[in-house]
């Protein structure tokens, strides 16, 4: 890398590591890519993801799991 390069270098994760971190199958990860839910870069046949994007998905998932759910009482008709 050039010494004049000032842009922050991101940490990149491969598909296998992302699947382990998120608990996703390879197919679910592919769905996230194709639906635009997770940006990626490809070098040859290997796909990489920014660690910040993976962390965002984890944080979003935790937020959804902690939000209170509305329970509607069952009513007989």
PDB file of N, CA and C in Angstrom:
ATOM      1  N   UNK A   1       0.840  -1.164   0.000  1.00  0.00           N
ATOM      2  CA  UNK A   1       0.000   0.000   0.000  1.00  0.00           C
ATOM      3  C   UNK A   1       0.887   1.229   0.000  1.00  0.00           C
ATOM      4  N   UNK A   2       0.506   2.219  -0.717  1.00  0.00           N
ATOM      5  CA  UNK A   2       1.267   3.454  -0.848  1.00  0.00           C
ATOM      6  C   UNK A   2       1.279   4.208   0.481  1.00  0.00           C
ATOM      7  N   UNK A   3       2.413   4.820   0.817  1.00  0.00           N
ATOM      8  CA  UNK A   3       2.504   5.539   2.084  1.00  0.00           C
ATOM      9  C   UNK A   3       1.650   6.802   2.091  1.00  0.00           C
ATOM     10  N   UNK A   4       1.255   7.282   0.918  1.00  0.00           N
ATOM     11  CA  UNK A   4       0.408   8.474   0.861  1.00  0.00           C
ATOM     12  C   UNK A   4      -1.066   8.123   0.970  1.00  0.00           C
ATOM     13  N   UNK A   5      -1.356   6.842   1.049  1.00  0.00           N
ATOM     14  CA  UNK A   5      -2.743   6.397   1.151  1.00  0.00           C
ATOM     15  C   UNK A   5      -3.245   6.700   2.556  1.00  0.00           C
ATOM     16  N   UNK A   6      -4.244   7.584   2.657  1.00  0.00           N
ATOM     17  CA  UNK A   6      -4.709   8.012   3.975  1.00  0.00           C
ATOM     18  C   UNK A   6      -6.057   7.428   4.358  1.00  0.00           C
ATOM     19  N   UNK A   7      -6.727   6.764   3.440  1.00  0.00           N
ATOM     20  CA  UNK A   7      -8.035   6.193   3.741  1.00  0.00           C
ATOM     21  C   UNK A   7      -7.879   5.044   4.733  1.00  0.00           C
ATOM     22  N   UNK A   8      -8.797   4.992   5.692  1.00  0.00           N
ATOM     23  CA  UNK A   8      -8.760   3.929   6.697  1.00  0.00           C
ATOM     24  C   UNK A   8      -8.965   2.574   6.032  1.00  0.00           C
ATOM     25  N   UNK A   9      -8.125   1.630   6.390  1.00  0.00           N
ATOM     26  CA  UNK A   9      -8.242   0.278   5.855  1.00  0.00           C
ATOM     27  C   UNK A   9      -9.236  -0.483   6.727  1.00  0.00           C
ATOM     28  N   UNK A  10     -10.252  -1.019   6.099  1.00  0.00           N
ATOM     29  CA  UNK A  10     -11.295  -1.763   6.806  1.00  0.00           C
ATOM     30  C   UNK A  10     -10.832  -3.190   7.080  1.00  0.00           C
ATOM     31  N   UNK A  11     -11.416  -3.784   8.097  1.00  0.00           N
ATOM     32  CA  UNK A  11     -11.221  -5.213   8.333  1.00  0.00           C
ATOM     33  C   UNK A  11     -12.224  -5.960   7.478  1.00  0.00           C
ATOM     34  N   UNK A  12     -11.754  -6.932   6.740  1.00  0.00           N
ATOM     35  CA  UNK A  12     -12.613  -7.709   5.850  1.00  0.00           C
ATOM     36  C   UNK A  12     -12.706  -9.136   6.352  1.00  0.00           C
ATOM     37  N   UNK A  13     -13.897  -9.723   6.232  1.00  0.00           N
ATOM     38  CA  UNK A  13     -14.143 -11.096   6.666  1.00  0.00           C
ATOM     39  C   UNK A  13     -14.580 -11.924   5.471  1.00  0.00           C
ATOM     40  N   UNK A  14     -14.151 -13.178   5.419  1.00  0.00           N
ATOM     41  CA  UNK A  14     -14.595 -14.042   4.320  1.00  0.00           C
ATOM     42  C   UNK A  14     -15.948 -14.670   4.665  1.00  0.00           C
ATOM     43  N   UNK A  15     -16.538 -15.340   3.692  1.00  0.00           N
ATOM     44  CA  UNK A  15     -17.884 -15.902   3.849  1.00  0.00           C
ATOM     45  C   UNK A  15     -17.966 -16.893   5.003  1.00  0.00           C
ATOM     46  N   UNK A  16     -16.958 -17.727   5.151  1.00  0.00           N
ATOM     47  CA  UNK A  16     -16.975 -18.735   6.209  1.00  0.00           C
ATOM     48  C   UNK A  16     -17.032 -18.080   7.585  1.00  0.00           C
ATOM     49  N   UNK A  17     -16.229 -17.057   7.793  1.00  0.00           N
ATOM     50  CA  UNK A  17     -16.197 -16.358   9.077  1.00  0.00           C
ATOM     51  C   UNK A  17     -17.527 -15.653   9.340  1.00  0.00           C
ATOM     52  N   UNK A  18     -18.108 -15.035   8.308  1.00  0.00           N
ATOM     53  CA  UNK A  18     -19.385 -14.333   8.462  1.00  0.00           C
ATOM     54  C   UNK A  18     -20.498 -15.322   8.814  1.00  0.00           C
ATOM     55  N   UNK A  19     -20.510 -16.471   8.152  1.00  0.00           N
ATOM     56  CA  UNK A  19     -21.513 -17.499   8.465  1.00  0.00           C
ATOM     57  C   UNK A  19     -21.410 -17.925   9.929  1.00  0.00           C
ATOM     58  N   UNK A  20     -20.198 -18.092  10.427  1.00  0.00           N
ATOM     59  CA  UNK A  20     -20.004 -18.480  11.822  1.00  0.00           C
ATOM     60  C   UNK A  20     -20.466 -17.384  12.778  1.00  0.00           C
ATOM     61  N   UNK A  21     -20.121 -16.142  12.471  1.00  0.00           N
ATOM     62  CA  UNK A  21     -20.487 -15.028  13.346  1.00  0.00           C
ATOM     63  C   UNK A  21     -21.990 -14.801  13.405  1.00  0.00           C
ATOM     64  N   UNK A  22     -22.653 -14.928  12.257  1.00  0.00           N
ATOM     65  CA  UNK A  22     -24.081 -14.635  12.185  1.00  0.00           C
ATOM     66  C   UNK A  22     -24.960 -15.864  12.394  1.00  0.00           C
ATOM     67  N   UNK A  23     -24.356 -17.041  12.333  1.00  0.00           N
ATOM     68  CA  UNK A  23     -25.147 -18.264  12.435  1.00  0.00           C
ATOM     69  C   UNK A  23     -25.972 -18.508  11.185  1.00  0.00           C
ATOM     70  N   UNK A  24     -25.462 -18.046  10.043  1.00  0.00           N
ATOM     71  CA  UNK A  24     -26.151 -18.175   8.758  1.00  0.00           C
ATOM     72  C   UNK A  24     -25.628 -19.384   8.004  1.00  0.00           C
ATOM     73  N   UNK A  25     -26.476 -19.934   7.157  1.00  0.00           N
ATOM     74  CA  UNK A  25     -26.010 -20.912   6.180  1.00  0.00           C
ATOM     75  C   UNK A  25     -25.416 -20.134   5.006  1.00  0.00           C
ATOM     76  N   UNK A  26     -24.720 -20.830   4.132  1.00  0.00           N
ATOM     77  CA  UNK A  26     -24.165 -20.173   2.940  1.00  0.00           C
ATOM     78  C   UNK A  26     -25.280 -19.595   2.078  1.00  0.00           C
ATOM     79  N   UNK A  27     -26.397 -20.296   2.011  1.00  0.00           N
ATOM     80  CA  UNK A  27     -27.532 -19.837   1.199  1.00  0.00           C
ATOM     81  C   UNK A  27     -28.158 -18.566   1.779  1.00  0.00           C
ATOM     82  N   UNK A  28     -28.285 -18.490   3.099  1.00  0.00           N
ATOM     83  CA  UNK A  28     -28.831 -17.289   3.730  1.00  0.00           C
ATOM     84  C   UNK A  28     -27.911 -16.103   3.491  1.00  0.00           C
ATOM     85  N   UNK A  29     -26.614 -16.338   3.575  1.00  0.00           N
ATOM     86  CA  UNK A  29     -25.649 -15.275   3.309  1.00  0.00           C
ATOM     87  C   UNK A  29     -25.761 -14.804   1.864  1.00  0.00           C
ATOM     88  N   UNK A  30     -25.949 -15.730   0.932  1.00  0.00           N
ATOM     89  CA  UNK A  30     -26.123 -15.378  -0.477  1.00  0.00           C
ATOM     90  C   UNK A  30     -27.395 -14.557  -0.657  1.00  0.00           C
ATOM     91  N   UNK A  31     -28.457 -14.891   0.069  1.00  0.00           N
ATOM     92  CA  UNK A  31     -29.702 -14.126   0.005  1.00  0.00           C
ATOM     93  C   UNK A  31     -29.462 -12.685   0.462  1.00  0.00           C
ATOM     94  N   UNK A  32     -28.728 -12.507   1.559  1.00  0.00           N
ATOM     95  CA  UNK A  32     -28.418 -11.164   2.042  1.00  0.00           C
ATOM     96  C   UNK A  32     -27.647 -10.370   0.994  1.00  0.00           C
ATOM     97  N   UNK A  33     -26.709 -11.022   0.310  1.00  0.00           N
ATOM     98  CA  UNK A  33     -25.961 -10.348  -0.762  1.00  0.00           C
ATOM     99  C   UNK A  33     -26.886  -9.928  -1.888  1.00  0.00           C
ATOM    100  N   UNK A  34     -27.696 -10.858  -2.383  1.00  0.00           N
ATOM    101  CA  UNK A  34     -28.517 -10.586  -3.566  1.00  0.00           C
ATOM    102  C   UNK A  34     -29.652  -9.609  -3.273  1.00  0.00           C
ATOM    103  N   UNK A  35     -30.109  -9.548  -2.023  1.00  0.00           N
ATOM    104  CA  UNK A  35     -31.195  -8.625  -1.680  1.00  0.00           C
ATOM    105  C   UNK A  35     -30.677  -7.245  -1.284  1.00  0.00           C
ATOM    106  N   UNK A  36     -29.364  -7.083  -1.245  1.00  0.00           N
ATOM    107  CA  UNK A  36     -28.784  -5.793  -0.886  1.00  0.00           C
ATOM    108  C   UNK A  36     -28.661  -5.579   0.612  1.00  0.00           C
ATOM    109  N   UNK A  37     -28.898  -6.612   1.389  1.00  0.00           N
ATOM    110  CA  UNK A  37     -28.820  -6.496   2.838  1.00  0.00           C
ATOM    111  C   UNK A  37     -27.405  -6.489   3.382  1.00  0.00           C
ATOM    112  N   UNK A  38     -26.460  -6.917   2.566  1.00  0.00           N
ATOM    113  CA  UNK A  38     -25.073  -6.974   3.006  1.00  0.00           C
ATOM    114  C   UNK A  38     -24.162  -6.730   1.805  1.00  0.00           C
ATOM    115  N   UNK A  39     -23.427  -5.630   1.870  1.00  0.00           N
ATOM    116  CA  UNK A  39     -22.497  -5.294   0.794  1.00  0.00           C
ATOM    117  C   UNK A  39     -21.295  -6.238   0.848  1.00  0.00           C
ATOM    118  N   UNK A  40     -20.665  -6.423  -0.295  1.00  0.00           N
ATOM    119  CA  UNK A  40     -19.521  -7.334  -0.362  1.00  0.00           C
ATOM    120  C   UNK A  40     -18.578  -6.910  -1.478  1.00  0.00           C
ATOM    121  N   UNK A  41     -17.394  -7.463  -1.436  1.00  0.00           N
ATOM    122  CA  UNK A  41     -16.413  -7.312  -2.509  1.00  0.00           C
ATOM    123  C   UNK A  41     -15.935  -8.699  -2.884  1.00  0.00           C
ATOM    124  N   UNK A  42     -15.662  -8.872  -4.160  1.00  0.00           N
ATOM    125  CA  UNK A  42     -15.228 -10.176  -4.639  1.00  0.00           C
ATOM    126  C   UNK A  42     -13.866 -10.044  -5.301  1.00  0.00           C
ATOM    127  N   UNK A  43     -12.960 -10.914  -4.905  1.00  0.00           N
ATOM    128  CA  UNK A  43     -11.636 -11.000  -5.513  1.00  0.00           C
ATOM    129  C   UNK A  43     -11.496 -12.428  -6.007  1.00  0.00           C
ATOM    130  N   UNK A  44     -11.499 -12.583  -7.318  1.00  0.00           N
ATOM    131  CA  UNK A  44     -11.509 -13.922  -7.895  1.00  0.00           C
ATOM    132  C   UNK A  44     -12.810 -14.598  -7.524  1.00  0.00           C
ATOM    133  N   UNK A  45     -12.716 -15.768  -6.923  1.00  0.00           N
ATOM    134  CA  UNK A  45     -13.929 -16.477  -6.517  1.00  0.00           C
ATOM    135  C   UNK A  45     -14.231 -16.297  -5.028  1.00  0.00           C
ATOM    136  N   UNK A  46     -13.422 -15.513  -4.332  1.00  0.00           N
ATOM    137  CA  UNK A  46     -13.583 -15.333  -2.889  1.00  0.00           C
ATOM    138  C   UNK A  46     -14.341 -14.036  -2.604  1.00  0.00           C
ATOM    139  N   UNK A  47     -15.296 -14.114  -1.685  1.00  0.00           N
ATOM    140  CA  UNK A  47     -16.139 -12.970  -1.345  1.00  0.00           C
ATOM    141  C   UNK A  47     -15.782 -12.498   0.058  1.00  0.00           C
ATOM    142  N   UNK A  48     -15.696 -11.169   0.214  1.00  0.00           N
ATOM    143  CA  UNK A  48     -15.338 -10.559   1.489  1.00  0.00           C
ATOM    144  C   UNK A  48     -16.393  -9.540   1.896  1.00  0.00           C
ATOM    145  N   UNK A  49     -16.537  -9.378   3.219  1.00  0.00           N
ATOM    146  CA  UNK A  49     -17.513  -8.464   3.791  1.00  0.00           C
ATOM    147  C   UNK A  49     -16.809  -7.554   4.788  1.00  0.00           C
ATOM    148  N   UNK A  50     -17.251  -6.297   4.879  1.00  0.00           N
ATOM    149  CA  UNK A  50     -16.693  -5.382   5.867  1.00  0.00           C
ATOM    150  C   UNK A  50     -17.176  -5.801   7.247  1.00  0.00           C
ATOM    151  N   UNK A  51     -16.262  -5.806   8.199  1.00  0.00           N
ATOM    152  CA  UNK A  51     -16.633  -6.202   9.558  1.00  0.00           C
ATOM    153  C   UNK A  51     -17.675  -5.250  10.140  1.00  0.00           C
ATOM    154  N   UNK A  52     -17.624  -3.972   9.777  1.00  0.00           N
ATOM    155  CA  UNK A  52     -18.606  -3.003  10.280  1.00  0.00           C
ATOM    156  C   UNK A  52     -20.016  -3.359   9.814  1.00  0.00           C
ATOM    157  N   UNK A  53     -20.156  -3.856   8.587  1.00  0.00           N
ATOM    158  CA  UNK A  53     -21.475  -4.248   8.075  1.00  0.00           C
ATOM    159  C   UNK A  53     -22.005  -5.476   8.810  1.00  0.00           C
ATOM    160  N   UNK A  54     -21.117  -6.410   9.112  1.00  0.00           N
ATOM    161  CA  UNK A  54     -21.518  -7.614   9.847  1.00  0.00           C
ATOM    162  C   UNK A  54     -21.932  -7.225  11.271  1.00  0.00           C
ATOM    163  N   UNK A  55     -21.174  -6.323  11.887  1.00  0.00           N
ATOM    164  CA  UNK A  55     -21.508  -5.855  13.232  1.00  0.00           C
ATOM    165  C   UNK A  55     -22.860  -5.150  13.243  1.00  0.00           C
ATOM    166  N   UNK A  56     -23.191  -4.432  12.174  1.00  0.00           N
ATOM    167  CA  UNK A  56     -24.483  -3.745  12.067  1.00  0.00           C
ATOM    168  C   UNK A  56     -25.621  -4.764  12.064  1.00  0.00           C
ATOM    169  N   UNK A  57     -25.448  -5.850  11.327  1.00  0.00           N
ATOM    170  CA  UNK A  57     -26.482  -6.886  11.280  1.00  0.00           C
ATOM    171  C   UNK A  57     -26.664  -7.514  12.660  1.00  0.00           C
ATOM    172  N   UNK A  58     -25.570  -7.749  13.361  1.00  0.00           N
ATOM    173  CA  UNK A  58     -25.651  -8.310  14.711  1.00  0.00           C
ATOM    174  C   UNK A  58     -26.388  -7.344  15.634  1.00  0.00           C
ATOM    175  N   UNK A  59     -26.037  -6.063  15.578  1.00  0.00           N
ATOM    176  CA  UNK A  59     -26.688  -5.061  16.429  1.00  0.00           C
ATOM    177  C   UNK A  59     -28.173  -4.935  16.099  1.00  0.00           C
ATOM    178  N   UNK A  60     -28.513  -4.943  14.812  1.00  0.00           N
ATOM    179  CA  UNK A  60     -29.922  -4.865  14.404  1.00  0.00           C
ATOM    180  C   UNK A  60     -30.697  -6.065  14.925  1.00  0.00           C
ATOM    181  N   UNK A  61     -30.091  -7.222  14.871  1.00  0.00           N
ATOM    182  CA  UNK A  61     -30.737  -8.445  15.340  1.00  0.00           C
ATOM    183  C   UNK A  61     -30.975  -8.387  16.844  1.00  0.00           C
ATOM    184  N   UNK A  62     -29.991  -7.897  17.584  1.00  0.00           N
ATOM    185  CA  UNK A  62     -30.131  -7.786  19.034  1.00  0.00           C
ATOM    186  C   UNK A  62     -31.210  -6.780  19.396  1.00  0.00           C
ATOM    187  N   UNK A  63     -31.301  -5.686  18.656  1.00  0.00           N
ATOM    188  CA  UNK A  63     -32.319  -4.671  18.903  1.00  0.00           C
ATOM    189  C   UNK A  63     -33.708  -5.243  18.673  1.00  0.00           C
ATOM    190  N   UNK A  64     -33.885  -5.999  17.604  1.00  0.00           N
ATOM    191  CA  UNK A  64     -35.182  -6.601  17.309  1.00  0.00           C
ATOM    192  C   UNK A  64     -35.571  -7.612  18.378  1.00  0.00           C
ATOM    193  N   UNK A  65     -34.611  -8.345  18.892  1.00  0.00           N
ATOM    194  CA  UNK A  65     -34.897  -9.358  19.906  1.00  0.00           C
ATOM    195  C   UNK A  65     -35.235  -8.745  21.259  1.00  0.00           C
ATOM    196  N   UNK A  66     -34.772  -7.518  21.523  1.00  0.00           N
ATOM    197  CA  UNK A  66     -35.013  -6.881  22.804  1.00  0.00           C
ATOM    198  C   UNK A  66     -36.260  -6.011  22.807  1.00  0.00           C
ATOM    199  N   UNK A  67     -36.788  -5.671  21.647  1.00  0.00           N
ATOM    200  CA  UNK A  67     -37.958  -4.799  21.613  1.00  0.00           C
ATOM    201  C   UNK A  67     -39.181  -5.560  22.115  1.00  0.00           C
ATOM    202  N   UNK A  68     -39.996  -4.886  22.925  1.00  0.00           N
ATOM    203  CA  UNK A  68     -41.180  -5.575  23.446  1.00  0.00           C
ATOM    204  C   UNK A  68     -42.164  -5.910  22.335  1.00  0.00           C
ATOM    205  N   UNK A  69     -42.755  -7.055  22.444  1.00  0.00           N
ATOM    206  CA  UNK A  69     -43.707  -7.494  21.434  1.00  0.00           C
ATOM    207  C   UNK A  69     -45.114  -7.177  21.917  1.00  0.00           C
ATOM    208  N   UNK A  70     -45.967  -6.779  20.995  1.00  0.00           N
ATOM    209  CA  UNK A  70     -47.366  -6.524  21.312  1.00  0.00           C
ATOM    210  C   UNK A  70     -48.104  -7.858  21.353  1.00  0.00           C
ATOM    211  N   UNK A  71     -48.733  -8.132  22.449  1.00  0.00           N
ATOM    212  CA  UNK A  71     -49.521  -9.353  22.565  1.00  0.00           C
ATOM    213  C   UNK A  71     -50.986  -8.944  22.581  1.00  0.00           C
ATOM    214  N   UNK A  72     -51.711  -9.432  21.620  1.00  0.00           N
ATOM    215  CA  UNK A  72     -53.139  -9.124  21.570  1.00  0.00           C
ATOM    216  C   UNK A  72     -53.901 -10.266  22.212  1.00  0.00           C
ATOM    217  N   UNK A  73     -54.846  -9.933  23.072  1.00  0.00           N
ATOM    218  CA  UNK A  73     -55.604 -11.002  23.731  1.00  0.00           C
ATOM    219  C   UNK A  73     -56.456 -11.763  22.732  1.00  0.00           C
ATOM    220  N   UNK A  74     -56.610 -13.031  23.001  1.00  0.00           N
ATOM    221  CA  UNK A  74     -57.424 -13.886  22.150  1.00  0.00           C
ATOM    222  C   UNK A  74     -58.889 -13.615  22.454  1.00  0.00           C
ATOM    223  N   UNK A  75     -59.670 -13.396  21.417  1.00  0.00           N
ATOM    224  CA  UNK A  75     -61.102 -13.155  21.596  1.00  0.00           C
ATOM    225  C   UNK A  75     -61.885 -14.202  20.834  1.00  0.00           C
ATOM    226  N   UNK A  76     -62.897 -14.741  21.494  1.00  0.00           N
ATOM    227  CA  UNK A  76     -63.776 -15.691  20.818  1.00  0.00           C
ATOM    228  C   UNK A  76     -64.778 -14.924  19.981  1.00  0.00           C
ATOM    229  N   UNK A  77     -65.087 -15.453  18.838  1.00  0.00           N
ATOM    230  CA  UNK A  77     -66.104 -14.825  17.991  1.00  0.00           C
ATOM    231  C   UNK A  77     -67.433 -15.470  18.200  1.00  0.00           C
TER     232      UNK A  77
END
